[in-house]
Protein backbone atom coordinates (compact mmCIF):
# COMPACT_ATOMS: atom_id res chain seq x y z
CA UNK A 1 107.25 84.99 68.52
CA UNK A 2 105.49 88.23 67.83
CA UNK A 3 106.21 91.88 68.59
CA UNK A 4 103.78 94.71 69.37
CA UNK A 5 105.11 98.26 69.50
CA UNK A 6 103.62 100.65 72.02
CA UNK A 7 104.59 103.96 73.54
CA UNK A 8 107.05 103.94 76.41
CA UNK A 9 104.38 104.92 78.93
CA UNK A 10 102.02 102.02 78.06
CA UNK A 11 101.99 99.06 80.45
CA UNK A 12 102.92 95.70 78.93
CA UNK A 13 99.88 93.96 80.38
CA UNK A 14 97.61 96.01 78.11
CA UNK A 15 98.99 94.17 75.06
CA UNK A 16 98.77 90.65 76.50
CA UNK A 17 95.31 89.98 75.03
CA UNK A 18 96.45 91.16 71.59
CA UNK A 19 99.35 88.71 71.62
CA UNK A 20 97.27 85.86 73.04
CA UNK A 21 94.61 86.23 70.34
CA UNK A 22 97.27 85.73 67.68
CA UNK A 23 98.69 82.49 69.12
CA UNK A 24 97.40 79.21 70.53
CA UNK A 25 99.15 78.10 73.72
CA UNK A 26 98.77 75.87 76.77
CA UNK A 27 100.51 78.16 79.26
CA UNK A 28 101.50 81.81 79.61
CA UNK A 29 104.74 82.48 81.45
CA UNK A 30 105.09 86.10 82.54
CA UNK A 31 106.50 88.23 85.35
CA UNK A 32 104.64 89.97 88.18
CA UNK A 33 103.77 92.90 85.94
CA UNK A 34 101.18 90.69 84.24
CA UNK A 35 99.46 89.71 87.51
CA UNK A 36 96.07 91.27 86.75
CA UNK A 37 92.80 89.63 87.74
CA UNK A 38 91.25 90.29 84.32
CA UNK A 39 94.16 88.64 82.47
CA UNK A 40 94.31 85.62 84.77
CA UNK A 41 90.53 85.15 84.58
CA UNK A 42 90.64 85.41 80.77
CA UNK A 43 93.38 82.80 80.63
CA UNK A 44 91.43 80.46 82.92
CA UNK A 45 88.31 80.86 80.75
CA UNK A 46 90.33 79.74 77.72
CA UNK A 47 91.86 76.81 79.59
CA UNK A 48 95.34 78.33 79.55
CA UNK A 49 97.59 77.91 82.57
CA UNK A 50 98.77 81.23 84.01
CA UNK A 51 102.36 80.86 85.21
CA UNK A 52 102.53 84.35 86.68
CA UNK A 53 103.87 84.92 90.20
CA UNK A 54 101.50 86.90 92.40
CA UNK A 55 102.39 90.42 93.41
CA UNK A 56 103.47 90.83 97.01
CA UNK A 57 100.36 92.83 97.93
CA UNK A 58 97.89 90.17 96.72
CA UNK A 59 95.62 89.01 99.54
CA UNK A 60 95.15 85.47 98.22
CA UNK A 61 98.31 84.45 96.32
CA UNK A 62 97.89 81.99 93.48
CA UNK A 63 99.85 78.77 93.19
CA UNK A 64 102.58 78.96 90.54
CA UNK A 65 104.46 76.15 88.81
CA UNK A 66 107.96 77.41 89.65
CA UNK A 67 109.68 74.73 87.54
CA UNK A 68 107.83 75.94 84.45
CA UNK A 69 108.42 79.58 85.46
CA UNK A 70 112.19 79.01 85.28
CA UNK A 71 111.82 78.67 81.49
CA UNK A 72 111.19 82.43 81.38
CA UNK A 73 114.94 82.97 81.44
CA UNK A 74 115.02 82.01 77.75
CA UNK A 75 112.89 85.03 76.91
CA UNK A 76 114.95 87.34 79.14
CA UNK A 77 118.15 86.09 77.49
CA UNK A 78 116.59 86.75 74.08
CA UNK A 79 115.80 90.36 75.05
CA UNK A 80 119.39 90.78 76.25
CA UNK A 81 120.66 89.52 72.89
CA UNK A 82 118.34 91.94 71.08
CA UNK A 83 119.76 94.81 73.10
CA UNK A 84 123.24 94.00 71.78
CA UNK A 85 122.13 95.63 68.52
CA UNK A 86 122.75 99.35 68.86
CA UNK A 87 119.87 100.30 66.58
CA UNK A 88 117.45 98.45 68.88
CA UNK A 89 118.56 99.70 72.29
CA UNK A 90 118.99 103.33 71.24
CA UNK A 91 116.01 103.41 68.85
CA UNK A 92 117.85 104.97 65.91
CA UNK A 93 114.88 104.32 63.65
CA UNK A 94 112.39 107.16 64.02
CA UNK A 95 109.35 105.54 62.43
CA UNK A 96 107.57 102.56 63.95
CA UNK A 97 107.63 100.73 60.59
CA UNK A 98 111.41 100.98 60.27
CA UNK A 99 112.01 100.11 63.92
CA UNK A 100 109.74 97.05 63.69
CA UNK A 101 111.53 95.98 60.52
CA UNK A 102 114.94 96.15 62.16
CA UNK A 103 113.62 94.47 65.31
CA UNK A 104 112.35 91.54 63.24
CA UNK A 105 115.62 91.43 61.28
CA UNK A 106 117.66 91.30 64.50
CA UNK A 107 115.37 88.55 65.84
CA UNK A 108 115.98 86.46 62.71
CA UNK A 109 119.73 86.95 63.05
CA UNK A 110 119.59 85.73 66.66
CA UNK A 111 117.39 82.72 65.82
CA UNK A 112 119.64 81.59 62.94
CA UNK A 113 122.85 81.57 64.99
């Protein structure tokens, strides 16, 4: 797992390519916010399966492997566990370096339970 810090106004989909370049994978499981033609086309060019449900306004909805998509709950549960740490959810750390350090520390604590 990897973390990328951005400003609060930056869309998550803008960082998808950065994270994908750092890791080799067979499939990308993401929510509707990542349903962008450029991302899906880039995944297809790499031979990566895009398990991203189509937005409701998409004219030609893609087929999604819903059984694989159900695995996304593991990531959502992980984020909920991270938010149990007060320093993460309220962003007590003012610098990005310190916040990233505590975020990684909290992730290690969760993984070693």
